[in-house]
Amino acid sequence: MTDKDRASKTAKTTDAEKRKLDDELNEALEESFPGSDPVNVTQPAPSRHDQDIKRKG
């Protein structure tokens, strides 16, 4: 694999990650509209209470 191939693959991965984050942000905005609190782009760490809940990932 050449450096050019690696760079292309990395760029595609980065573009896919950006697209996924953008889609998730748009969904969060749609789900919370209208609302007074801004959408949180990052997910906070789980609390003790959250440890009992199984999450899909």
N, C-alpha and C. Protein backbone atom coordinates (compact mmCIF):
# COMPACT_ATOMS: atom_id res chain seq x y z
N MET A 1 0.86 -1.17 0.00
CA MET A 1 0.00 0.00 0.00
C MET A 1 0.90 1.23 0.00
N THR A 2 0.61 2.14 -0.91
CA THR A 2 1.42 3.35 -1.01
C THR A 2 0.91 4.42 -0.06
N ASP A 3 1.72 5.44 0.12
CA ASP A 3 1.32 6.57 0.98
C ASP A 3 0.06 7.24 0.44
N LYS A 4 -0.05 7.31 -0.88
CA LYS A 4 -1.21 7.93 -1.51
C LYS A 4 -2.47 7.12 -1.19
N ASP A 5 -2.37 5.79 -1.24
CA ASP A 5 -3.51 4.93 -0.92
C ASP A 5 -3.91 5.09 0.55
N ARG A 6 -2.91 5.14 1.43
CA ARG A 6 -3.19 5.32 2.86
C ARG A 6 -3.87 6.66 3.12
N ALA A 7 -3.37 7.71 2.49
CA ALA A 7 -3.95 9.04 2.67
C ALA A 7 -5.39 9.08 2.17
N SER A 8 -5.63 8.41 1.04
CA SER A 8 -6.98 8.36 0.48
C SER A 8 -7.92 7.61 1.41
N LYS A 9 -7.46 6.49 1.95
CA LYS A 9 -8.28 5.69 2.88
C LYS A 9 -8.57 6.48 4.16
N THR A 10 -7.56 7.18 4.67
CA THR A 10 -7.73 8.00 5.88
C THR A 10 -8.72 9.13 5.62
N ALA A 11 -8.62 9.76 4.46
CA ALA A 11 -9.54 10.85 4.12
C ALA A 11 -10.97 10.33 4.02
N LYS A 12 -11.16 9.14 3.45
CA LYS A 12 -12.50 8.56 3.35
C LYS A 12 -13.05 8.25 4.72
N THR A 13 -12.20 7.71 5.60
CA THR A 13 -12.64 7.40 6.96
C THR A 13 -13.01 8.68 7.69
N THR A 14 -12.19 9.70 7.55
CA THR A 14 -12.46 10.97 8.21
C THR A 14 -13.75 11.58 7.67
N ASP A 15 -13.96 11.52 6.36
CA ASP A 15 -15.19 12.05 5.77
C ASP A 15 -16.40 11.27 6.28
N ALA A 16 -16.28 9.98 6.40
CA ALA A 16 -17.39 9.16 6.89
C ALA A 16 -17.69 9.50 8.35
N GLU A 17 -16.65 9.69 9.15
CA GLU A 17 -16.84 10.04 10.56
C GLU A 17 -17.51 11.42 10.69
N LYS A 18 -17.07 12.36 9.87
CA LYS A 18 -17.67 13.70 9.90
C LYS A 18 -19.13 13.64 9.48
N ARG A 19 -19.42 12.84 8.43
CA ARG A 19 -20.78 12.71 7.95
C ARG A 19 -21.67 12.09 9.03
N LYS A 20 -21.15 11.07 9.72
CA LYS A 20 -21.91 10.41 10.78
C LYS A 20 -22.20 11.38 11.93
N LEU A 21 -21.19 12.14 12.34
CA LEU A 21 -21.37 13.11 13.41
C LEU A 21 -22.36 14.19 12.99
N ASP A 22 -22.28 14.64 11.76
CA ASP A 22 -23.20 15.65 11.26
C ASP A 22 -24.64 15.11 11.24
N ASP A 23 -24.81 13.86 10.81
CA ASP A 23 -26.14 13.25 10.81
C ASP A 23 -26.70 13.13 12.22
N GLU A 24 -25.85 12.72 13.17
CA GLU A 24 -26.29 12.59 14.56
C GLU A 24 -26.67 13.96 15.14
N LEU A 25 -25.89 14.98 14.81
CA LEU A 25 -26.19 16.32 15.29
C LEU A 25 -27.51 16.82 14.71
N ASN A 26 -27.72 16.60 13.42
CA ASN A 26 -28.99 17.00 12.80
C ASN A 26 -30.18 16.29 13.43
N GLU A 27 -30.02 15.00 13.70
CA GLU A 27 -31.10 14.25 14.35
C GLU A 27 -31.39 14.81 15.74
N ALA A 28 -30.35 15.11 16.49
CA ALA A 28 -30.53 15.65 17.83
C ALA A 28 -31.22 17.01 17.77
N LEU A 29 -30.86 17.82 16.79
CA LEU A 29 -31.50 19.13 16.65
C LEU A 29 -32.98 18.97 16.31
N GLU A 30 -33.29 18.04 15.42
CA GLU A 30 -34.69 17.81 15.05
C GLU A 30 -35.50 17.28 16.23
N GLU A 31 -34.91 16.38 17.01
CA GLU A 31 -35.61 15.79 18.14
C GLU A 31 -35.82 16.78 19.29
N SER A 32 -34.95 17.77 19.39
CA SER A 32 -35.05 18.70 20.51
C SER A 32 -35.71 20.03 20.14
N PHE A 33 -36.10 20.19 18.90
CA PHE A 33 -36.70 21.46 18.47
C PHE A 33 -38.18 21.48 18.81
N PRO A 34 -38.79 22.53 19.25
CA PRO A 34 -38.12 23.72 19.75
C PRO A 34 -37.67 23.49 21.19
N GLY A 35 -36.58 24.00 21.52
CA GLY A 35 -36.06 23.83 22.88
C GLY A 35 -35.20 25.02 23.27
N SER A 36 -35.05 25.18 24.55
CA SER A 36 -34.27 26.32 25.02
C SER A 36 -32.81 25.96 25.24
N ASP A 37 -32.51 24.67 25.41
CA ASP A 37 -31.13 24.25 25.66
C ASP A 37 -30.46 23.84 24.36
N PRO A 38 -29.20 24.23 24.17
CA PRO A 38 -28.50 23.82 22.95
C PRO A 38 -28.18 22.33 22.99
N VAL A 39 -28.00 21.75 21.83
CA VAL A 39 -27.66 20.33 21.71
C VAL A 39 -26.22 20.12 22.16
N ASN A 40 -25.97 19.08 22.94
CA ASN A 40 -24.64 18.73 23.39
C ASN A 40 -24.03 17.78 22.36
N VAL A 41 -22.92 18.19 21.74
CA VAL A 41 -22.29 17.38 20.71
C VAL A 41 -21.57 16.17 21.32
N THR A 42 -21.04 16.32 22.51
CA THR A 42 -20.34 15.21 23.16
C THR A 42 -21.25 14.51 24.16
N GLN A 43 -20.98 13.26 24.40
CA GLN A 43 -21.77 12.47 25.34
C GLN A 43 -21.07 12.50 26.70
N PRO A 44 -21.76 12.90 27.76
CA PRO A 44 -21.13 12.91 29.08
C PRO A 44 -20.85 11.49 29.57
N ALA A 45 -19.92 11.39 30.48
CA ALA A 45 -19.59 10.08 31.05
C ALA A 45 -20.80 9.53 31.80
N PRO A 46 -21.00 8.21 31.78
CA PRO A 46 -22.15 7.63 32.48
C PRO A 46 -22.03 7.80 33.99
N SER A 47 -23.17 7.98 34.62
CA SER A 47 -23.20 8.08 36.08
C SER A 47 -23.29 6.69 36.68
N ARG A 48 -23.24 6.59 37.98
CA ARG A 48 -23.39 5.29 38.63
C ARG A 48 -24.72 4.65 38.28
N HIS A 49 -25.75 5.47 38.25
CA HIS A 49 -27.09 4.96 37.93
C HIS A 49 -27.11 4.36 36.52
N ASP A 50 -26.37 4.95 35.59
CA ASP A 50 -26.35 4.49 34.21
C ASP A 50 -25.68 3.14 34.03
N GLN A 51 -24.90 2.70 34.99
CA GLN A 51 -24.20 1.43 34.84
C GLN A 51 -25.16 0.25 34.76
N ASP A 52 -26.36 0.40 35.29
CA ASP A 52 -27.33 -0.68 35.25
C ASP A 52 -28.05 -0.76 33.92
N ILE A 53 -27.93 0.26 33.09
CA ILE A 53 -28.64 0.32 31.82
C ILE A 53 -27.72 -0.15 30.71
N LYS A 54 -28.19 -1.11 29.92
CA LYS A 54 -27.41 -1.56 28.77
C LYS A 54 -27.69 -0.64 27.60
N ARG A 55 -26.65 -0.20 26.96
CA ARG A 55 -26.80 0.72 25.83
C ARG A 55 -26.33 0.03 24.57
N LYS A 56 -26.97 0.41 23.45
CA LYS A 56 -26.50 -0.11 22.18
C LYS A 56 -25.32 0.74 21.74
N GLY A 57 -24.36 0.14 21.10
CA GLY A 57 -23.17 0.89 20.74
C GLY A 57 -22.55 0.55 19.50
